[in-house]
């Protein structure tokens, strides 16, 4: 708990807790460029895709997760008077989905398998996307 609070404070003070990157993909028409942005503590983020013909898709990706709260008690030694605090946990999945829409009104759905779920999309993975006009895209990142 102390480590997360400290890291959160550092993020607030430095604005350095957003991960940005580029993913290269391939479609039947050529090279596809994907740009993402994800907060370090977030299970979701923004995705922008540039198709070979110049069509731009924008949207959100979400990493699957499950939460359990109040299932255990821990002794919080950070307080002067040792106190019992309810503990919660969150499990993140390697499965990630994206829904995007283009400037031309087309849609794109993506499925990603993340290499290191706890590190988010920045740690790499593989994926496939399909547009509403049946263009298939494969990515390795």
N, C-alpha and C. Protein backbone atom coordinates (compact mmCIF):
# COMPACT_ATOMS: atom_id res chain seq x y z
N UNK A 1 0.82 -1.19 0.00
CA UNK A 1 0.00 0.00 0.00
C UNK A 1 0.87 1.26 0.00
N UNK A 2 1.97 1.25 0.77
CA UNK A 2 2.85 2.41 0.83
C UNK A 2 3.49 2.67 -0.54
N UNK A 3 3.90 1.58 -1.22
CA UNK A 3 4.57 1.71 -2.51
C UNK A 3 3.63 2.32 -3.55
N UNK A 4 2.38 1.87 -3.61
CA UNK A 4 1.41 2.40 -4.57
C UNK A 4 1.13 3.87 -4.29
N UNK A 5 0.98 4.23 -3.01
CA UNK A 5 0.73 5.63 -2.66
C UNK A 5 1.92 6.50 -3.05
N UNK A 6 3.13 6.01 -2.81
CA UNK A 6 4.33 6.77 -3.17
C UNK A 6 4.42 6.94 -4.69
N UNK A 7 4.20 5.86 -5.44
CA UNK A 7 4.25 5.94 -6.91
C UNK A 7 3.16 6.86 -7.44
N UNK A 8 1.98 6.83 -6.84
CA UNK A 8 0.91 7.73 -7.26
C UNK A 8 1.30 9.18 -7.05
N UNK A 9 1.94 9.48 -5.92
CA UNK A 9 2.40 10.84 -5.64
C UNK A 9 3.44 11.28 -6.67
N UNK A 10 4.37 10.41 -6.99
CA UNK A 10 5.38 10.72 -8.00
C UNK A 10 4.70 11.01 -9.34
N UNK A 11 3.71 10.22 -9.71
CA UNK A 11 2.98 10.42 -10.96
C UNK A 11 2.31 11.79 -11.00
N UNK A 12 1.68 12.15 -9.92
CA UNK A 12 0.98 13.44 -9.85
C UNK A 12 1.97 14.59 -9.97
N UNK A 13 3.10 14.48 -9.28
CA UNK A 13 4.08 15.56 -9.28
C UNK A 13 4.84 15.69 -10.59
N UNK A 14 5.06 14.59 -11.29
CA UNK A 14 5.90 14.63 -12.49
C UNK A 14 5.13 14.46 -13.80
N UNK A 15 3.88 14.05 -13.75
CA UNK A 15 3.09 13.74 -14.95
C UNK A 15 3.80 12.73 -15.84
N UNK A 16 4.56 11.83 -15.24
CA UNK A 16 5.35 10.85 -16.01
C UNK A 16 4.76 9.46 -15.98
N UNK A 17 3.49 9.35 -15.74
CA UNK A 17 2.90 8.02 -15.59
C UNK A 17 1.98 7.64 -16.73
N UNK A 18 2.27 8.16 -17.90
CA UNK A 18 1.53 7.77 -19.09
C UNK A 18 2.50 7.12 -20.05
N UNK A 19 2.13 5.93 -20.49
CA UNK A 19 2.96 5.20 -21.44
C UNK A 19 2.42 5.45 -22.84
N UNK A 20 3.31 5.80 -23.77
CA UNK A 20 2.93 6.01 -25.16
C UNK A 20 3.84 5.16 -26.03
N UNK A 21 3.29 4.68 -27.13
CA UNK A 21 4.12 3.87 -28.02
C UNK A 21 3.45 3.64 -29.36
N UNK A 22 4.18 2.95 -30.20
CA UNK A 22 3.72 2.64 -31.55
C UNK A 22 3.76 1.14 -31.77
N UNK A 23 2.74 0.63 -32.42
CA UNK A 23 2.66 -0.78 -32.79
C UNK A 23 2.58 -0.83 -34.31
N UNK A 24 3.40 -1.67 -34.91
CA UNK A 24 3.35 -1.85 -36.36
C UNK A 24 2.51 -3.08 -36.68
N UNK A 25 1.63 -2.92 -37.64
CA UNK A 25 0.79 -4.02 -38.07
C UNK A 25 0.85 -4.18 -39.58
N UNK A 26 0.24 -5.25 -40.04
CA UNK A 26 0.19 -5.53 -41.47
C UNK A 26 -1.24 -5.88 -41.85
N UNK A 27 -1.71 -5.26 -42.94
CA UNK A 27 -3.01 -5.61 -43.50
C UNK A 27 -2.79 -6.12 -44.92
N UNK A 28 -3.85 -6.55 -45.56
CA UNK A 28 -3.74 -7.02 -46.94
C UNK A 28 -3.31 -5.89 -47.87
N UNK A 29 -3.55 -4.63 -47.47
CA UNK A 29 -3.20 -3.47 -48.29
C UNK A 29 -1.82 -2.89 -47.97
N UNK A 30 -1.18 -3.33 -46.89
CA UNK A 30 0.14 -2.81 -46.55
C UNK A 30 0.33 -2.58 -45.06
N UNK A 31 1.28 -1.72 -44.73
CA UNK A 31 1.66 -1.45 -43.35
C UNK A 31 0.62 -0.60 -42.62
N UNK A 32 0.37 -0.95 -41.36
CA UNK A 32 -0.57 -0.24 -40.50
C UNK A 32 0.18 0.26 -39.28
N UNK A 33 -0.06 1.52 -38.92
CA UNK A 33 0.60 2.11 -37.75
C UNK A 33 -0.44 2.36 -36.66
N UNK A 34 -0.18 1.85 -35.47
CA UNK A 34 -1.04 2.06 -34.31
C UNK A 34 -0.27 2.83 -33.26
N UNK A 35 -0.90 3.86 -32.71
CA UNK A 35 -0.31 4.61 -31.61
C UNK A 35 -1.22 4.46 -30.40
N UNK A 36 -0.62 4.18 -29.25
CA UNK A 36 -1.41 4.00 -28.02
C UNK A 36 -0.94 4.94 -26.93
N UNK A 37 -1.84 5.14 -25.97
CA UNK A 37 -1.54 5.91 -24.77
C UNK A 37 -2.26 5.23 -23.62
N UNK A 38 -1.52 4.93 -22.54
CA UNK A 38 -2.09 4.23 -21.40
C UNK A 38 -1.44 4.72 -20.12
N UNK A 39 -2.26 5.03 -19.12
CA UNK A 39 -1.74 5.39 -17.81
C UNK A 39 -1.12 4.18 -17.14
N UNK A 40 -0.07 4.39 -16.36
CA UNK A 40 0.65 3.30 -15.73
C UNK A 40 -0.25 2.44 -14.85
N UNK A 41 -1.20 3.05 -14.15
CA UNK A 41 -2.07 2.30 -13.25
C UNK A 41 -3.42 1.97 -13.88
N UNK A 42 -3.58 2.22 -15.19
CA UNK A 42 -4.86 2.02 -15.86
C UNK A 42 -4.92 0.69 -16.61
N UNK A 43 -6.11 0.15 -16.72
CA UNK A 43 -6.35 -1.05 -17.51
C UNK A 43 -7.00 -0.71 -18.84
N UNK A 44 -6.93 0.55 -19.23
CA UNK A 44 -7.49 0.97 -20.51
C UNK A 44 -6.63 2.10 -21.07
N UNK A 45 -6.92 2.48 -22.30
CA UNK A 45 -6.17 3.55 -22.91
C UNK A 45 -6.75 3.92 -24.26
N UNK A 46 -6.08 4.82 -24.93
CA UNK A 46 -6.53 5.30 -26.24
C UNK A 46 -5.67 4.67 -27.34
N UNK A 47 -6.32 4.42 -28.48
CA UNK A 47 -5.64 3.81 -29.62
C UNK A 47 -6.01 4.58 -30.88
N UNK A 48 -5.00 4.87 -31.69
CA UNK A 48 -5.20 5.53 -32.98
C UNK A 48 -4.54 4.65 -34.04
N UNK A 49 -5.27 4.35 -35.11
CA UNK A 49 -4.77 3.46 -36.15
C UNK A 49 -4.79 4.19 -37.49
N UNK A 50 -3.66 4.16 -38.18
CA UNK A 50 -3.53 4.74 -39.52
C UNK A 50 -3.43 3.60 -40.52
N UNK A 51 -4.44 3.49 -41.38
CA UNK A 51 -4.48 2.45 -42.40
C UNK A 51 -3.60 2.86 -43.60
N UNK A 52 -3.21 1.89 -44.44
CA UNK A 52 -2.36 2.20 -45.59
C UNK A 52 -2.96 3.25 -46.54
N UNK A 53 -4.28 3.30 -46.63
CA UNK A 53 -4.93 4.27 -47.53
C UNK A 53 -5.15 5.63 -46.87
N UNK A 54 -4.68 5.80 -45.62
CA UNK A 54 -4.79 7.07 -44.92
C UNK A 54 -6.00 7.19 -44.00
N UNK A 55 -6.88 6.20 -43.99
CA UNK A 55 -8.05 6.24 -43.11
C UNK A 55 -7.58 6.14 -41.65
N UNK A 56 -8.11 7.03 -40.80
CA UNK A 56 -7.75 7.05 -39.38
C UNK A 56 -8.88 6.48 -38.53
N UNK A 57 -8.52 5.59 -37.63
CA UNK A 57 -9.45 5.03 -36.66
C UNK A 57 -9.03 5.51 -35.27
N UNK A 58 -10.00 5.87 -34.44
CA UNK A 58 -9.75 6.30 -33.07
C UNK A 58 -10.65 5.51 -32.13
N UNK A 59 -10.14 5.23 -30.94
CA UNK A 59 -10.99 4.55 -29.98
C UNK A 59 -10.25 4.19 -28.71
N UNK A 60 -10.82 3.24 -28.01
CA UNK A 60 -10.35 2.86 -26.69
C UNK A 60 -10.07 1.36 -26.65
N UNK A 61 -9.03 1.00 -25.91
CA UNK A 61 -8.80 -0.41 -25.61
C UNK A 61 -8.98 -0.62 -24.11
N UNK A 62 -9.42 -1.82 -23.76
CA UNK A 62 -9.68 -2.16 -22.36
C UNK A 62 -9.11 -3.54 -22.08
N UNK A 63 -8.32 -3.61 -21.03
CA UNK A 63 -7.74 -4.88 -20.58
C UNK A 63 -8.70 -5.51 -19.59
N UNK A 64 -9.05 -6.77 -19.81
CA UNK A 64 -9.97 -7.47 -18.92
C UNK A 64 -9.38 -7.57 -17.52
N UNK A 65 -10.23 -7.42 -16.51
CA UNK A 65 -9.78 -7.54 -15.12
C UNK A 65 -10.93 -7.97 -14.25
N UNK A 66 -10.59 -8.42 -13.06
CA UNK A 66 -11.60 -8.73 -12.06
C UNK A 66 -11.13 -8.19 -10.72
N UNK A 67 -12.06 -7.78 -9.90
CA UNK A 67 -11.71 -7.20 -8.61
C UNK A 67 -12.36 -7.99 -7.49
N UNK A 68 -11.64 -8.06 -6.39
CA UNK A 68 -12.16 -8.67 -5.16
C UNK A 68 -11.89 -7.68 -4.04
N UNK A 69 -12.92 -7.28 -3.35
CA UNK A 69 -12.75 -6.30 -2.27
C UNK A 69 -13.34 -6.84 -0.98
N UNK A 70 -12.68 -6.52 0.11
CA UNK A 70 -13.19 -6.89 1.42
C UNK A 70 -13.08 -8.36 1.73
N UNK A 71 -12.22 -9.08 1.00
CA UNK A 71 -12.13 -10.50 1.21
C UNK A 71 -11.09 -10.90 2.25
N UNK A 72 -10.29 -9.95 2.70
CA UNK A 72 -9.31 -10.26 3.73
C UNK A 72 -8.98 -9.01 4.53
N UNK A 73 -8.40 -9.22 5.67
CA UNK A 73 -7.97 -8.11 6.51
C UNK A 73 -6.46 -8.12 6.62
N UNK A 74 -5.85 -6.94 6.62
CA UNK A 74 -4.41 -6.85 6.82
C UNK A 74 -4.12 -5.84 7.92
N UNK A 75 -3.01 -6.02 8.58
CA UNK A 75 -2.59 -5.09 9.62
C UNK A 75 -1.81 -3.98 8.94
N UNK A 76 -2.27 -2.75 9.06
CA UNK A 76 -1.63 -1.60 8.42
C UNK A 76 -0.69 -0.97 9.43
N UNK A 77 0.61 -1.22 9.26
CA UNK A 77 1.60 -0.69 10.19
C UNK A 77 1.97 0.76 9.89
N UNK A 78 1.36 1.35 8.87
CA UNK A 78 1.65 2.75 8.55
C UNK A 78 0.99 3.69 9.56
N UNK A 79 0.00 3.20 10.24
CA UNK A 79 -0.69 4.02 11.24
C UNK A 79 0.03 3.89 12.58
N UNK A 80 0.01 4.95 13.37
CA UNK A 80 0.67 4.91 14.68
C UNK A 80 0.04 3.87 15.60
N UNK A 81 -1.24 3.67 15.47
CA UNK A 81 -1.95 2.75 16.35
C UNK A 81 -2.41 1.52 15.59
N UNK A 82 -1.51 0.69 15.15
CA UNK A 82 -1.82 -0.48 14.33
C UNK A 82 -3.33 -0.69 14.16
N UNK A 83 -3.78 -0.72 12.92
CA UNK A 83 -5.21 -0.86 12.64
C UNK A 83 -5.42 -1.94 11.59
N UNK A 84 -6.57 -2.59 11.68
CA UNK A 84 -6.95 -3.58 10.68
C UNK A 84 -7.66 -2.85 9.55
N UNK A 85 -7.27 -3.15 8.31
CA UNK A 85 -7.82 -2.49 7.14
C UNK A 85 -8.31 -3.54 6.16
N UNK A 86 -9.48 -3.33 5.56
CA UNK A 86 -9.97 -4.25 4.55
C UNK A 86 -9.06 -4.19 3.32
N UNK A 87 -8.74 -5.34 2.82
CA UNK A 87 -7.85 -5.41 1.67
C UNK A 87 -8.64 -5.80 0.42
N UNK A 88 -8.26 -5.26 -0.69
CA UNK A 88 -8.86 -5.62 -1.96
C UNK A 88 -7.78 -6.00 -2.94
N UNK A 89 -8.17 -6.70 -3.97
CA UNK A 89 -7.19 -7.07 -4.98
C UNK A 89 -7.82 -6.99 -6.36
N UNK A 90 -6.98 -6.80 -7.34
CA UNK A 90 -7.45 -6.76 -8.73
C UNK A 90 -6.55 -7.67 -9.54
N UNK A 91 -7.16 -8.50 -10.35
CA UNK A 91 -6.41 -9.39 -11.23
C UNK A 91 -6.63 -8.90 -12.66
N UNK A 92 -5.53 -8.69 -13.37
CA UNK A 92 -5.64 -8.26 -14.76
C UNK A 92 -5.37 -9.44 -15.67
N UNK A 93 -6.02 -9.42 -16.81
CA UNK A 93 -5.93 -10.49 -17.78
C UNK A 93 -5.01 -10.08 -18.92
N UNK A 94 -4.52 -11.04 -19.64
CA UNK A 94 -3.74 -10.75 -20.84
C UNK A 94 -4.65 -10.44 -22.03
N UNK A 95 -5.95 -10.68 -21.88
CA UNK A 95 -6.91 -10.42 -22.95
C UNK A 95 -7.31 -8.95 -22.96
N UNK A 96 -7.17 -8.31 -24.13
CA UNK A 96 -7.49 -6.89 -24.28
C UNK A 96 -8.29 -6.70 -25.56
N UNK A 97 -9.31 -5.87 -25.49
CA UNK A 97 -10.15 -5.59 -26.65
C UNK A 97 -10.14 -4.11 -26.95
N UNK A 98 -10.33 -3.79 -28.23
CA UNK A 98 -10.42 -2.39 -28.65
C UNK A 98 -11.60 -2.21 -29.59
N UNK A 99 -12.27 -1.08 -29.46
CA UNK A 99 -13.36 -0.68 -30.34
C UNK A 99 -13.00 0.69 -30.90
N UNK A 100 -12.95 0.80 -32.22
CA UNK A 100 -12.55 2.05 -32.85
C UNK A 100 -13.53 2.43 -33.96
N UNK A 101 -13.56 3.72 -34.26
CA UNK A 101 -14.37 4.22 -35.36
C UNK A 101 -13.49 5.16 -36.19
N UNK A 102 -13.69 5.14 -37.50
CA UNK A 102 -12.85 5.96 -38.37
C UNK A 102 -13.50 7.29 -38.69
N UNK A 103 -12.70 8.16 -39.27
CA UNK A 103 -13.19 9.46 -39.72
C UNK A 103 -14.18 9.29 -40.87
N UNK A 104 -14.19 8.11 -41.49
CA UNK A 104 -15.11 7.83 -42.60
C UNK A 104 -16.33 7.03 -42.14
N UNK A 105 -16.42 6.77 -40.83
CA UNK A 105 -17.58 6.06 -40.29
C UNK A 105 -17.46 4.55 -40.23
N UNK A 106 -16.32 4.00 -40.62
CA UNK A 106 -16.10 2.56 -40.52
C UNK A 106 -15.72 2.21 -39.08
N UNK A 107 -15.86 0.96 -38.71
CA UNK A 107 -15.50 0.52 -37.37
C UNK A 107 -14.39 -0.52 -37.44
N UNK A 108 -13.73 -0.71 -36.30
CA UNK A 108 -12.67 -1.71 -36.19
C UNK A 108 -12.76 -2.34 -34.81
N UNK A 109 -12.65 -3.66 -34.77
CA UNK A 109 -12.59 -4.39 -33.51
C UNK A 109 -11.27 -5.12 -33.45
N UNK A 110 -10.59 -5.03 -32.30
CA UNK A 110 -9.28 -5.66 -32.13
C UNK A 110 -9.29 -6.56 -30.90
N UNK A 111 -8.53 -7.63 -30.98
CA UNK A 111 -8.29 -8.55 -29.87
C UNK A 111 -6.78 -8.66 -29.70
N UNK A 112 -6.29 -8.34 -28.49
CA UNK A 112 -4.86 -8.43 -28.21
C UNK A 112 -4.62 -9.44 -27.10
N UNK A 113 -3.49 -10.11 -27.17
CA UNK A 113 -3.02 -11.01 -26.11
C UNK A 113 -1.74 -10.37 -25.59
N UNK A 114 -1.76 -9.84 -24.36
CA UNK A 114 -0.60 -9.14 -23.82
C UNK A 114 0.43 -10.11 -23.25
N UNK A 115 1.70 -9.79 -23.44
CA UNK A 115 2.79 -10.65 -22.94
C UNK A 115 2.88 -10.62 -21.42
N UNK A 116 2.76 -9.42 -20.83
CA UNK A 116 2.86 -9.25 -19.38
C UNK A 116 1.67 -8.42 -18.93
N UNK A 117 0.56 -9.05 -18.56
CA UNK A 117 -0.66 -8.32 -18.23
C UNK A 117 -0.48 -7.21 -17.19
N UNK A 118 0.36 -7.43 -16.19
CA UNK A 118 0.55 -6.42 -15.15
C UNK A 118 1.23 -5.16 -15.67
N UNK A 119 1.92 -5.26 -16.81
CA UNK A 119 2.62 -4.11 -17.39
C UNK A 119 1.83 -3.42 -18.49
N UNK A 120 0.68 -3.95 -18.83
CA UNK A 120 -0.16 -3.33 -19.85
C UNK A 120 0.34 -3.53 -21.26
N UNK A 121 -0.17 -2.72 -22.17
CA UNK A 121 0.12 -2.86 -23.60
C UNK A 121 1.58 -2.53 -23.91
N UNK A 122 2.22 -1.74 -23.08
CA UNK A 122 3.60 -1.32 -23.30
C UNK A 122 4.58 -2.50 -23.29
N UNK A 123 4.24 -3.59 -22.63
CA UNK A 123 5.15 -4.74 -22.51
C UNK A 123 5.09 -5.68 -23.71
N UNK A 124 4.20 -5.40 -24.67
CA UNK A 124 4.16 -6.19 -25.89
C UNK A 124 3.07 -7.25 -25.91
N UNK A 125 2.96 -7.88 -27.07
CA UNK A 125 1.99 -8.93 -27.26
C UNK A 125 1.73 -9.18 -28.74
N UNK A 126 0.60 -9.79 -29.02
CA UNK A 126 0.17 -10.07 -30.39
C UNK A 126 -1.30 -9.70 -30.51
N UNK A 127 -1.78 -9.55 -31.74
CA UNK A 127 -3.19 -9.23 -31.89
C UNK A 127 -3.68 -9.29 -33.32
N UNK A 128 -5.00 -9.20 -33.43
CA UNK A 128 -5.69 -9.19 -34.72
C UNK A 128 -6.80 -8.16 -34.66
N UNK A 129 -7.03 -7.49 -35.78
CA UNK A 129 -8.12 -6.53 -35.90
C UNK A 129 -8.90 -6.82 -37.16
N UNK A 130 -10.16 -6.43 -37.16
CA UNK A 130 -11.02 -6.58 -38.33
C UNK A 130 -11.86 -5.32 -38.46
N UNK A 131 -11.86 -4.74 -39.67
CA UNK A 131 -12.66 -3.55 -39.92
C UNK A 131 -14.04 -3.94 -40.43
N UNK A 132 -14.95 -2.98 -40.41
CA UNK A 132 -16.32 -3.24 -40.88
C UNK A 132 -16.36 -3.50 -42.38
N UNK A 133 -15.30 -3.14 -43.12
CA UNK A 133 -15.25 -3.48 -44.54
C UNK A 133 -14.29 -4.65 -44.78
N UNK A 134 -14.16 -5.53 -43.75
CA UNK A 134 -13.45 -6.82 -43.80
C UNK A 134 -11.96 -6.74 -44.07
N UNK A 135 -11.31 -5.66 -43.68
CA UNK A 135 -9.84 -5.61 -43.76
C UNK A 135 -9.30 -6.24 -42.48
N UNK A 136 -8.40 -7.21 -42.65
CA UNK A 136 -7.80 -7.89 -41.51
C UNK A 136 -6.41 -7.34 -41.26
N UNK A 137 -6.08 -7.18 -39.97
CA UNK A 137 -4.79 -6.63 -39.56
C UNK A 137 -4.20 -7.59 -38.52
N UNK A 138 -2.92 -7.89 -38.65
CA UNK A 138 -2.23 -8.66 -37.62
C UNK A 138 -1.11 -7.79 -37.07
N UNK A 139 -0.88 -7.89 -35.76
CA UNK A 139 0.15 -7.09 -35.10
C UNK A 139 0.97 -7.95 -34.15
N UNK A 140 2.23 -7.59 -34.06
CA UNK A 140 3.14 -8.14 -33.06
C UNK A 140 3.85 -6.95 -32.46
N UNK A 141 3.82 -6.85 -31.15
CA UNK A 141 4.43 -5.69 -30.50
C UNK A 141 5.13 -6.07 -29.23
